[in-house]
Structures are given as structure tokens and as C-alpha cells.
C-alpha atoms as a PDB file:
ATOM      1  CA  MET A   1      75.231 176.015  50.689  1.00  0.00           C
ATOM      2  CA  ARG A   2      73.932 173.275  49.170  1.00  0.00           C
ATOM      3  CA  VAL A   3      74.981 169.534  49.074  1.00  0.00           C
ATOM      4  CA  TRP A   4      74.694 167.785  46.424  1.00  0.00           C
ATOM      5  CA  PHE A   5      75.476 163.899  45.508  1.00  0.00           C
ATOM      6  CA  ILE A   6      75.938 163.427  41.839  1.00  0.00           C
ATOM      7  CA  THR A   7      75.872 159.941  40.217  1.00  0.00           C
ATOM      8  CA  GLY A   8      77.436 159.277  36.811  1.00  0.00           C
ATOM      9  CA  ALA A   9      79.329 162.520  37.240  1.00  0.00           C
ATOM     10  CA  SER A  10      82.691 162.549  35.110  1.00  0.00           C
ATOM     11  CA  ARG A  11      80.444 163.738  32.028  1.00  0.00           C
ATOM     12  CA  GLY A  12      77.479 164.151  30.240  1.00  0.00           C
ATOM     13  CA  PHE A  13      74.629 165.664  32.349  1.00  0.00           C
ATOM     14  CA  GLY A  14      76.314 164.886  36.046  1.00  0.00           C
ATOM     15  CA  LEU A  15      79.447 166.913  34.704  1.00  0.00           C
ATOM     16  CA  GLU A  16      77.686 169.465  34.022  1.00  0.00           C
ATOM     17  CA  ILE A  17      75.630 169.508  36.604  1.00  0.00           C
ATOM     18  CA  ALA A  18      78.558 169.427  38.659  1.00  0.00           C
ATOM     19  CA  ARG A  19      79.810 172.219  37.421  1.00  0.00           C
ATOM     20  CA  LYS A  20      77.374 174.650  37.764  1.00  0.00           C
ATOM     21  CA  ALA A  21      76.423 173.566  41.149  1.00  0.00           C
ATOM     22  CA  LEU A  22      79.965 174.264  42.414  1.00  0.00           C
ATOM     23  CA  ALA A  23      79.595 177.689  40.176  1.00  0.00           C
ATOM     24  CA  GLU A  24      76.889 178.753  42.461  1.00  0.00           C
ATOM     25  CA  GLY A  25      78.625 178.118  45.477  1.00  0.00           C
ATOM     26  CA  ASP A  26      77.452 175.029  46.591  1.00  0.00           C
ATOM     27  CA  ALA A  27      79.216 171.395  47.263  1.00  0.00           C
ATOM     28  CA  VAL A  28      79.299 168.715  45.345  1.00  0.00           C
ATOM     29  CA  ILE A  29      79.543 165.066  46.406  1.00  0.00           C
ATOM     30  CA  ALA A  30      80.220 163.632  42.919  1.00  0.00           C
ATOM     31  CA  THR A  31      80.520 159.969  42.066  1.00  0.00           C
ATOM     32  CA  ALA A  32      81.530 157.907  38.948  1.00  0.00           C
ATOM     33  CA  ARG A  33      83.574 154.963  38.448  1.00  0.00           C
ATOM     34  CA  ASP A  34      86.848 157.180  37.289  1.00  0.00           C
ATOM     35  CA  ALA A  35      86.966 159.567  40.304  1.00  0.00           C
ATOM     36  CA  GLY A  36      90.004 160.835  38.981  1.00  0.00           C
ATOM     37  CA  GLN A  37      88.159 162.062  35.578  1.00  0.00           C
ATOM     38  CA  VAL A  38      86.189 164.218  37.652  1.00  0.00           C
ATOM     39  CA  LYS A  39      88.577 165.647  39.653  1.00  0.00           C
ATOM     40  CA  ALA A  40      90.697 166.314  36.587  1.00  0.00           C
ATOM     41  CA  GLU A  41      87.445 168.054  35.232  1.00  0.00           C
ATOM     42  CA  LEU A  42      86.602 170.000  38.327  1.00  0.00           C
ATOM     43  CA  ALA A  43      90.219 170.825  39.082  1.00  0.00           C
ATOM     44  CA  ASP A  44      89.735 174.416  40.147  1.00  0.00           C
ATOM     45  CA  ALA A  45      86.813 173.446  43.200  1.00  0.00           C
ATOM     46  CA  GLY A  46      88.945 173.015  45.815  1.00  0.00           C
ATOM     47  CA  ASP A  47      87.550 171.394  49.351  1.00  0.00           C
ATOM     48  CA  ARG A  48      83.710 171.977  48.075  1.00  0.00           C
ATOM     49  CA  LEU A  49      84.006 168.953  45.732  1.00  0.00           C
ATOM     50  CA  LEU A  50      84.449 165.369  46.615  1.00  0.00           C
ATOM     51  CA  ALA A  51      85.018 163.145  44.356  1.00  0.00           C
ATOM     52  CA  VAL A  52      84.552 159.175  45.068  1.00  0.00           C
ATOM     53  CA  ASN A  53      84.692 156.434  42.861  1.00  0.00           C
ATOM     54  CA  LEU A  54      80.952 154.180  42.766  1.00  0.00           C
ATOM     55  CA  ASP A  55      79.417 151.611  40.836  1.00  0.00           C
ATOM     56  CA  VAL A  56      75.980 152.141  41.609  1.00  0.00           C
ATOM     57  CA  THR A  57      75.170 148.642  40.875  1.00  0.00           C
ATOM     58  CA  ASP A  58      77.575 147.971  43.902  1.00  0.00           C
ATOM     59  CA  GLU A  59      75.351 148.677  47.133  1.00  0.00           C
ATOM     60  CA  ALA A  60      78.139 148.320  49.976  1.00  0.00           C
ATOM     61  CA  ALA A  61      80.365 151.074  47.692  1.00  0.00           C
ATOM     62  CA  VAL A  62      77.331 153.300  47.514  1.00  0.00           C
ATOM     63  CA  GLN A  63      76.572 153.121  51.235  1.00  0.00           C
ATOM     64  CA  GLY A  64      80.268 154.004  51.580  1.00  0.00           C
ATOM     65  CA  ALA A  65      80.027 156.971  49.618  1.00  0.00           C
ATOM     66  CA  VAL A  66      76.744 158.420  51.389  1.00  0.00           C
ATOM     67  CA  ALA A  67      78.852 157.886  54.754  1.00  0.00           C
ATOM     68  CA  ALA A  68      81.983 159.717  52.919  1.00  0.00           C
ATOM     69  CA  GLY A  69      79.819 162.318  51.608  1.00  0.00           C
ATOM     70  CA  VAL A  70      78.128 163.004  55.396  1.00  0.00           C
ATOM     71  CA  GLU A  71      81.549 163.051  57.080  1.00  0.00           C
ATOM     72  CA  ALA A  72      82.829 165.409  54.352  1.00  0.00           C
ATOM     73  CA  PHE A  73      80.349 167.659  54.301  1.00  0.00           C
ATOM     74  CA  GLY A  74      77.320 167.046  57.192  1.00  0.00           C
ATOM     75  CA  ARG A  75      74.231 166.538  55.270  1.00  0.00           C
ATOM     76  CA  ILE A  76      72.896 165.890  51.265  1.00  0.00           C
ATOM     77  CA  ASP A  77      70.470 168.660  50.168  1.00  0.00           C
ATOM     78  CA  VAL A  78      70.201 167.269  46.563  1.00  0.00           C
ATOM     79  CA  LEU A  79      70.418 164.163  45.186  1.00  0.00           C
ATOM     80  CA  VAL A  80      70.738 163.338  41.147  1.00  0.00           C
ATOM     81  CA  ASN A  81      70.332 159.928  40.170  1.00  0.00           C
ATOM     82  CA  ASN A  82      72.076 160.758  36.886  1.00  0.00           C
ATOM     83  CA  ALA A  83      74.269 157.240  36.421  1.00  0.00           C
ATOM     84  CA  GLY A  84      72.755 155.598  33.391  1.00  0.00           C
ATOM     85  CA  ARG A  85      73.464 153.098  30.445  1.00  0.00           C
ATOM     86  CA  GLY A  86      71.844 152.536  26.853  1.00  0.00           C
ATOM     87  CA  LEU A  87      70.251 149.560  25.025  1.00  0.00           C
ATOM     88  CA  LEU A  88      69.324 149.835  21.541  1.00  0.00           C
ATOM     89  CA  GLY A  89      67.861 147.270  20.143  1.00  0.00           C
ATOM     90  CA  ALA A  90      64.190 145.521  18.917  1.00  0.00           C
ATOM     91  CA  VAL A  91      62.613 144.014  22.327  1.00  0.00           C
ATOM     92  CA  GLU A  92      63.294 140.445  20.850  1.00  0.00           C
ATOM     93  CA  GLU A  93      67.099 141.243  19.478  1.00  0.00           C
ATOM     94  CA  ALA A  94      68.282 141.688  23.217  1.00  0.00           C
ATOM     95  CA  SER A  95      69.727 139.055  25.347  1.00  0.00           C
ATOM     96  CA  ASP A  96      68.428 138.608  28.724  1.00  0.00           C
ATOM     97  CA  ALA A  97      72.068 139.256  30.042  1.00  0.00           C
ATOM     98  CA  GLU A  98      72.049 142.592  27.468  1.00  0.00           C
ATOM     99  CA  VAL A  99      68.766 143.565  29.439  1.00  0.00           C
ATOM    100  CA  ARG A 100      69.646 143.064  33.117  1.00  0.00           C
ATOM    101  CA  ALA A 101      73.038 145.280  32.925  1.00  0.00           C
ATOM    102  CA  VAL A 102      70.732 148.153  31.240  1.00  0.00           C
ATOM    103  CA  TYR A 103      68.026 147.602  35.074  1.00  0.00           C
ATOM    104  CA  ASP A 104      71.315 147.068  37.112  1.00  0.00           C
ATOM    105  CA  VAL A 105      72.413 150.301  36.231  1.00  0.00           C
ATOM    106  CA  ASN A 106      69.297 152.148  35.558  1.00  0.00           C
ATOM    107  CA  VAL A 107      66.900 150.477  38.057  1.00  0.00           C
ATOM    108  CA  PHE A 108      68.305 149.066  40.705  1.00  0.00           C
ATOM    109  CA  GLY A 109      71.564 151.020  40.758  1.00  0.00           C
ATOM    110  CA  LEU A 110      69.184 154.046  41.510  1.00  0.00           C
ATOM    111  CA  LEU A 111      67.196 152.321  44.014  1.00  0.00           C
ATOM    112  CA  ALA A 112      70.731 151.640  46.055  1.00  0.00           C
ATOM    113  CA  VAL A 113      71.774 155.198  45.728  1.00  0.00           C
ATOM    114  CA  THR A 114      68.303 156.272  46.472  1.00  0.00           C
ATOM    115  CA  ARG A 115      67.880 153.530  50.026  1.00  0.00           C
ATOM    116  CA  ALA A 116      70.694 155.331  51.300  1.00  0.00           C
ATOM    117  CA  VAL A 117      70.758 158.784  50.619  1.00  0.00           C
ATOM    118  CA  LEU A 118      66.831 159.161  51.777  1.00  0.00           C
ATOM    119  CA  PRO A 119      67.468 158.282  55.567  1.00  0.00           C
ATOM    120  CA  VAL A 120      70.156 161.348  55.717  1.00  0.00           C
ATOM    121  CA  MET A 121      67.628 163.411  54.285  1.00  0.00           C
ATOM    122  CA  ARG A 122      64.331 161.996  56.362  1.00  0.00           C
ATOM    123  CA  ARG A 123      66.505 163.148  59.174  1.00  0.00           C
ATOM    124  CA  GLN A 124      66.909 166.752  58.011  1.00  0.00           C
ATOM    125  CA  ARG A 125      63.244 166.975  57.010  1.00  0.00           C
ATOM    126  CA  SER A 126      63.963 168.407  53.817  1.00  0.00           C
ATOM    127  CA  GLY A 127      65.545 167.461  50.543  1.00  0.00           C
ATOM    128  CA  ARG A 128      65.487 166.818  46.742  1.00  0.00           C
ATOM    129  CA  VAL A 129      65.906 163.818  44.596  1.00  0.00           C
ATOM    130  CA  LEU A 130      65.956 164.304  41.348  1.00  0.00           C
ATOM    131  CA  ASN A 131      65.485 161.732  38.958  1.00  0.00           C
ATOM    132  CA  ILE A 132      67.146 161.508  35.060  1.00  0.00           C
ATOM    133  CA  THR A 133      64.674 159.780  32.945  1.00  0.00           C
ATOM    134  CA  SER A 134      64.376 160.453  29.481  1.00  0.00           C
ATOM    135  CA  VAL A 135      61.503 161.654  27.413  1.00  0.00           C
ATOM    136  CA  GLY A 136      61.657 157.838  26.614  1.00  0.00           C
ATOM    137  CA  GLY A 137      60.643 157.150  30.054  1.00  0.00           C
ATOM    138  CA  PHE A 138      57.325 159.039  29.055  1.00  0.00           C
ATOM    139  CA  THR A 139      56.726 157.762  25.303  1.00  0.00           C
ATOM    140  CA  THR A 140      59.272 154.994  23.634  1.00  0.00           C
ATOM    141  CA  GLY A 141      59.545 153.701  20.146  1.00  0.00           C
ATOM    142  CA  GLN A 142      61.382 151.579  17.759  1.00  0.00           C
ATOM    143  CA  GLY A 143      64.716 150.176  19.275  1.00  0.00           C
ATOM    144  CA  TRP A 144      64.542 152.029  22.178  1.00  0.00           C
ATOM    145  CA  GLY A 145      61.874 149.571  24.382  1.00  0.00           C
ATOM    146  CA  LEU A 146      64.151 148.042  26.655  1.00  0.00           C
ATOM    147  CA  TYR A 147      66.300 151.185  27.698  1.00  0.00           C
ATOM    148  CA  GLY A 148      62.687 153.297  27.844  1.00  0.00           C
ATOM    149  CA  SER A 149      61.208 150.445  30.156  1.00  0.00           C
ATOM    150  CA  THR A 150      64.196 151.413  32.336  1.00  0.00           C
ATOM    151  CA  LYS A 151      63.197 154.902  33.136  1.00  0.00           C
ATOM    152  CA  PHE A 152      59.371 154.004  32.671  1.00  0.00           C
ATOM    153  CA  ALA A 153      60.281 151.868  36.145  1.00  0.00           C
ATOM    154  CA  VAL A 154      61.786 155.047  36.992  1.00  0.00           C
ATOM    155  CA  GLU A 155      59.188 157.310  36.661  1.00  0.00           C
ATOM    156  CA  GLY A 156      56.326 155.044  38.883  1.00  0.00           C
ATOM    157  CA  VAL A 157      58.985 154.514  41.390  1.00  0.00           C
ATOM    158  CA  SER A 158      59.447 158.891  41.528  1.00  0.00           C
ATOM    159  CA  GLU A 159      55.711 159.513  41.348  1.00  0.00           C
ATOM    160  CA  ALA A 160      55.225 157.802  44.346  1.00  0.00           C
ATOM    161  CA  MET A 161      58.220 158.759  45.938  1.00  0.00           C
ATOM    162  CA  ARG A 162      57.177 161.970  45.424  1.00  0.00           C
ATOM    163  CA  ALA A 163      53.641 161.169  47.242  1.00  0.00           C
ATOM    164  CA  GLU A 164      55.437 159.118  50.416  1.00  0.00           C
ATOM    165  CA  LEU A 165      58.049 161.867  51.341  1.00  0.00           C
ATOM    166  CA  ALA A 166      56.127 165.438  50.568  1.00  0.00           C
ATOM    167  CA  PRO A 167      54.869 165.421  54.294  1.00  0.00           C
ATOM    168  CA  LEU A 168      58.559 164.538  55.264  1.00  0.00           C
ATOM    169  CA  GLY A 169      59.907 167.983  53.598  1.00  0.00           C
ATOM    170  CA  ILE A 170      61.805 165.653  50.372  1.00  0.00           C
ATOM    171  CA  LYS A 171      60.626 166.554  47.168  1.00  0.00           C
ATOM    172  CA  VAL A 172      60.852 164.643  44.120  1.00  0.00           C
ATOM    173  CA  ILE A 173      61.347 165.831  40.478  1.00  0.00           C
ATOM    174  CA  ILE A 174      61.332 163.529  37.427  1.00  0.00           C
ATOM    175  CA  ILE A 175      63.763 164.938  34.570  1.00  0.00           C
ATOM    176  CA  GLU A 176      62.923 163.976  31.260  1.00  0.00           C
ATOM    177  CA  PRO A 177      65.239 165.263  28.726  1.00  0.00           C
ATOM    178  CA  GLY A 178      65.136 164.737  24.963  1.00  0.00           C
ATOM    179  CA  VAL A 179      68.182 164.553  22.561  1.00  0.00           C
ATOM    180  CA  PHE A 180      71.093 165.829  24.128  1.00  0.00           C
ATOM    181  CA  ARG A 181      74.675 166.316  22.626  1.00  0.00           C
ATOM    182  CA  THR A 182      76.296 164.482  25.166  1.00  0.00           C
ATOM    183  CA  ASP A 183      78.296 160.998  24.973  1.00  0.00           C
ATOM    184  CA  PHE A 184      75.077 159.104  25.502  1.00  0.00           C
ATOM    185  CA  LEU A 185      75.109 157.675  21.702  1.00  0.00           C
ATOM    186  CA  ASP A 186      78.910 156.773  22.040  1.00  0.00           C
ATOM    187  CA  ASP A 187      79.785 152.849  22.552  1.00  0.00           C
ATOM    188  CA  SER A 188      80.868 153.524  26.222  1.00  0.00           C
ATOM    189  CA  SER A 189      77.261 154.749  26.994  1.00  0.00           C
ATOM    190  CA  LEU A 190      75.220 153.140  24.429  1.00  0.00           C
ATOM    191  CA  HIS A 191      75.200 149.201  24.034  1.00  0.00           C
ATOM    192  CA  THR A 192      73.744 147.886  21.164  1.00  0.00           C
ATOM    193  CA  ALA A 193      71.913 144.485  20.997  1.00  0.00           C
ATOM    194  CA  GLU A 194      74.522 142.040  19.473  1.00  0.00           C
ATOM    195  CA  GLN A 195      71.846 140.015  17.658  1.00  0.00           C
ATOM    196  CA  VAL A 196      70.391 141.813  14.669  1.00  0.00           C
ATOM    197  CA  ILE A 197      67.120 140.097  13.131  1.00  0.00           C
ATOM    198  CA  GLU A 198      66.375 141.238   9.738  1.00  0.00           C
ATOM    199  CA  ASP A 199      62.968 141.247  10.222  1.00  0.00           C
ATOM    200  CA  TYR A 200      63.250 144.625  11.720  1.00  0.00           C
ATOM    201  CA  ALA A 201      65.556 146.998   9.552  1.00  0.00           C
ATOM    202  CA  ARG A 202      63.404 148.788   9.030  1.00  0.00           C
ATOM    203  CA  THR A 203      61.747 149.585  12.363  1.00  0.00           C
ATOM    204  CA  SER A 204      64.835 149.224  14.926  1.00  0.00           C
ATOM    205  CA  GLY A 205      67.354 148.684  12.391  1.00  0.00           C
ATOM    206  CA  GLN A 206      66.278 152.634  11.196  1.00  0.00           C
ATOM    207  CA  THR A 207      66.817 153.508  14.577  1.00  0.00           C
ATOM    208  CA  ARG A 208      70.640 151.503  14.402  1.00  0.00           C
ATOM    209  CA  VAL A 209      71.366 154.164  11.946  1.00  0.00           C
ATOM    210  CA  TRP A 210      70.037 156.981  13.099  1.00  0.00           C
ATOM    211  CA  ARG A 211      72.185 156.759  16.406  1.00  0.00           C
ATOM    212  CA  THR A 212      75.403 156.502  13.913  1.00  0.00           C
ATOM    213  CA  GLU A 213      74.544 159.908  11.923  1.00  0.00           C
ATOM    214  CA  ASN A 214      73.229 161.858  14.960  1.00  0.00           C
ATOM    215  CA  ASN A 215      76.049 161.357  17.330  1.00  0.00           C
ATOM    216  CA  HIS A 216      77.350 164.569  18.935  1.00  0.00           C
ATOM    217  CA  ALA A 217      74.825 166.383  16.199  1.00  0.00           C
ATOM    218  CA  GLN A 218      72.157 166.411  18.488  1.00  0.00           C
ATOM    219  CA  ALA A 219      70.263 169.871  18.826  1.00  0.00           C
ATOM    220  CA  GLY A 220      69.849 169.879  23.331  1.00  0.00           C
ATOM    221  CA  ASP A 221      72.932 172.263  24.829  1.00  0.00           C
ATOM    222  CA  PRO A 222      73.677 169.626  27.778  1.00  0.00           C
ATOM    223  CA  VAL A 223      75.038 172.952  29.636  1.00  0.00           C
ATOM    224  CA  LYS A 224      72.033 174.947  29.050  1.00  0.00           C
ATOM    225  CA  ALA A 225      70.227 171.878  30.636  1.00  0.00           C
ATOM    226  CA  ALA A 226      72.230 171.562  33.761  1.00  0.00           C
ATOM    227  CA  ALA A 227      71.272 175.224  34.632  1.00  0.00           C
ATOM    228  CA  ALA A 228      67.604 174.055  34.383  1.00  0.00           C
ATOM    229  CA  ILE A 229      67.873 171.150  36.563  1.00  0.00           C
ATOM    230  CA  VAL A 230      70.097 173.520  38.781  1.00  0.00           C
ATOM    231  CA  SER A 231      67.501 175.810  39.255  1.00  0.00           C
ATOM    232  CA  ILE A 232      64.258 173.415  39.471  1.00  0.00           C
ATOM    233  CA  ALA A 233      66.384 171.975  42.373  1.00  0.00           C
ATOM    234  CA  GLY A 234      65.814 175.704  44.154  1.00  0.00           C
ATOM    235  CA  VAL A 235      62.262 176.275  43.389  1.00  0.00           C
ATOM    236  CA  ASP A 236      59.890 175.821  46.013  1.00  0.00           C
ATOM    237  CA  ASP A 237      57.106 173.861  44.496  1.00  0.00           C
ATOM    238  CA  PRO A 238      58.524 171.942  41.673  1.00  0.00           C
ATOM    239  CA  PRO A 239      56.902 170.360  39.041  1.00  0.00           C
ATOM    240  CA  VAL A 240      56.750 166.489  38.680  1.00  0.00           C
ATOM    241  CA  ARG A 241      58.404 166.316  35.336  1.00  0.00           C
ATOM    242  CA  LEU A 242      60.611 169.005  34.159  1.00  0.00           C
ATOM    243  CA  GLN A 243      60.852 168.141  30.140  1.00  0.00           C
ATOM    244  CA  LEU A 244      64.109 169.612  28.309  1.00  0.00           C
ATOM    245  CA  GLY A 245      64.168 170.248  24.443  1.00  0.00           C
ATOM    246  CA  ALA A 246      61.956 171.025  22.169  1.00  0.00           C
ATOM    247  CA  ASP A 247      61.692 167.364  20.937  1.00  0.00           C
ATOM    248  CA  CYS A 248      60.801 166.428  24.496  1.00  0.00           C
ATOM    249  CA  VAL A 249      57.746 168.792  24.334  1.00  0.00           C
ATOM    250  CA  ALA A 250      56.976 168.015  21.150  1.00  0.00           C
ATOM    251  CA  ARG A 251      57.192 163.863  22.186  1.00  0.00           C
ATOM    252  CA  VAL A 252      55.061 164.487  24.978  1.00  0.00           C
ATOM    253  CA  GLU A 253      52.316 167.014  23.787  1.00  0.00           C
ATOM    254  CA  ALA A 254      51.600 163.926  20.857  1.00  0.00           C
ATOM    255  CA  LYS A 255      51.541 160.834  23.328  1.00  0.00           C
ATOM    256  CA  LEU A 256      49.431 163.062  25.479  1.00  0.00           C
ATOM    257  CA  GLN A 257      47.285 163.574  22.261  1.00  0.00           C
ATOM    258  CA  GLN A 258      47.221 160.271  21.418  1.00  0.00           C
ATOM    259  CA  VAL A 259      45.964 158.932  24.433  1.00  0.00           C
ATOM    260  CA  LYS A 260      43.550 161.627  24.934  1.00  0.00           C
ATOM    261  CA  THR A 261      42.305 160.502  21.207  1.00  0.00           C
ATOM    262  CA  GLU A 262      42.001 156.295  22.154  1.00  0.00           C
ATOM    263  CA  LEU A 263      40.548 156.841  25.645  1.00  0.00           C
ATOM    264  CA  ASP A 264      37.765 159.281  24.028  1.00  0.00           C
ATOM    265  CA  GLU A 265      37.440 156.216  21.016  1.00  0.00           C
ATOM    266  CA  TRP A 266      36.951 153.052  23.499  1.00  0.00           C
ATOM    267  CA  ARG A 267      35.596 155.280  26.686  1.00  0.00           C
ATOM    268  CA  GLU A 268      32.056 153.063  26.175  1.00  0.00           C
ATOM    269  CA  VAL A 269      33.840 150.036  26.161  1.00  0.00           C
ATOM    270  CA  ALA A 270      35.797 151.038  29.352  1.00  0.00           C
ATOM    271  CA  LEU A 271      32.654 151.933  31.212  1.00  0.00           C
ATOM    272  CA  ALA A 272      30.735 148.719  29.978  1.00  0.00           C
ATOM    273  CA  THR A 273      33.041 146.609  32.421  1.00  0.00           C
ATOM    274  CA  ALA A 274      31.558 147.438  36.004  1.00  0.00           C
ATOM    275  CA  TYR A 275      29.076 144.864  37.243  1.00  0.00           C
ATOM    276  CA  ASP A 276      25.378 145.920  36.216  1.00  0.00           C
ATOM    277  CA  ASP A 277      23.929 146.110  39.868  1.00  0.00           C
ATOM    278  CA  ALA A 278      27.140 148.698  40.688  1.00  0.00           C
ATOM    279  CA  GLY A 279      26.165 152.101  42.284  1.00  0.00           C
END
């Protein structure tokens, strides 16, 4: 029986991952701002579920949640950093407070949880860290720049952690979902920049419209995504990144081709910057 520690477990990916892990016979420490909602959703889990109230931006509360989980189950085998906050708007439109709020959850909250769980995994000399980013953490676009930048940050952190933790028996996996039919586009998850600048009507403004038209109509099935995520946690040699959704695959392929094309086009400029006497 594996023990999972999942943030943002009251709905969306977090809830479905918890549900799938429990169905596999594992134990779950499910954290959310409203642990009561988790208990209601997973009422049949019995003593294999520990639901804990947690705001990931409260570092003392994070340490307490991890301690409670270890006290209940003795170990943590899989950490799923899933709690997140969205921000939609052109880069110029977003205020300092709006930007800091999304970074507090998506980056600093993730780091707080990771710092609390890793000592447990290092003592065990085993564990998996699954960081839920987004296709927007690999390639982003109009209206998503600031949200995407938080996911870019997590991807950079994750790559370094993978190298640092591999000798200790801990494996790090980046999960990059595309668009899935969760509550992410709801106002409760996705905050929209209050300021609207007319000059961005045809770019980020169109993304605001897309958000309204596509909420709860996304092609991706979160139950299937959760099954893939739970499965990858048990693979002996997992990938650095797991893309989820046909839209994600297409966007990653397009970005890779774009980077290759530009690298080839500007290769000589790049290579011409060494000292003339470089060996």
C-alpha cells in the first residue's frame, strides 16, 4: 500500500487522483482548503483517507499537515503538488497583487509543501514527486503569460529536483495537462485581471471570450487523466514529462519544431560569439 499526499484534493485532478489511488487500495492524505468537501466526496474511503484542511501558502500549516499524515500512516510515498490558481489577462493588464497571488500558490506554495515532504522521502530513500504543471508550462500564449510563467518556474524547479533527488531514490515527474473538463475555468479557480486594456482586445481579449465559451466543454476527461497519473507514479523509469491530452501533444510538437527552426536559422549568430582564440 502506497501513501499519497495530494494538495488541492477537493475537486478536479486532485479529487480524481485521490479517488483512483484509493480504488487501487492505497492510502491518501488529501489536503484542501475545505477538508469537509473531500470527506463528503470520498465518504466510502474509511481509514485509508486522512482529509486535512490546508492553505499551501501557510508554511506552518503545511508542516502540520505533513506531520499529521506521517503520524497516521508512517510514511509518504507519492507527493502530488496539484493545488493551483489561475490568472487570465495580458501581462500589462495584471496588477502586482494579482500576480503575487498566483505565484504564492503555484510556486511558493508548491515549494513549501515540497520542503515539508522531502525530508520524509529522504529518510525512506524512496518516493515520487508529481508536479502538476500545464501545457502552459512548456508553451504559453496570449492571456496566459503570467499563469504560464508560474508553471515554467515549476518545470525548471522540477528538472533540477529530478537530478538532485535521483541518487536518493526519489523520482520527480512533471505532469503537463492540456485542457480538461475540470472547474479550472470557473471564477473559483481562474482569476481574471481586473484591468482591461482595449489595445489587447484581439489577443488576450479573445482568450477571455474563449474562456467563457469553453468552460465545461473541454475535450479532456479528468478521470482518464487521473488514471494515467496514478499509473505513471508506479513506473520504474518514468519520463521527465508526461503530456496529457491531444491538444497538449500538438502544442508541444509545434513548440519543439519552432525552436528547432529558429535554432537552425540563427545558429551561425549563436556560434560566432566565442573569443577568436577559443579552442
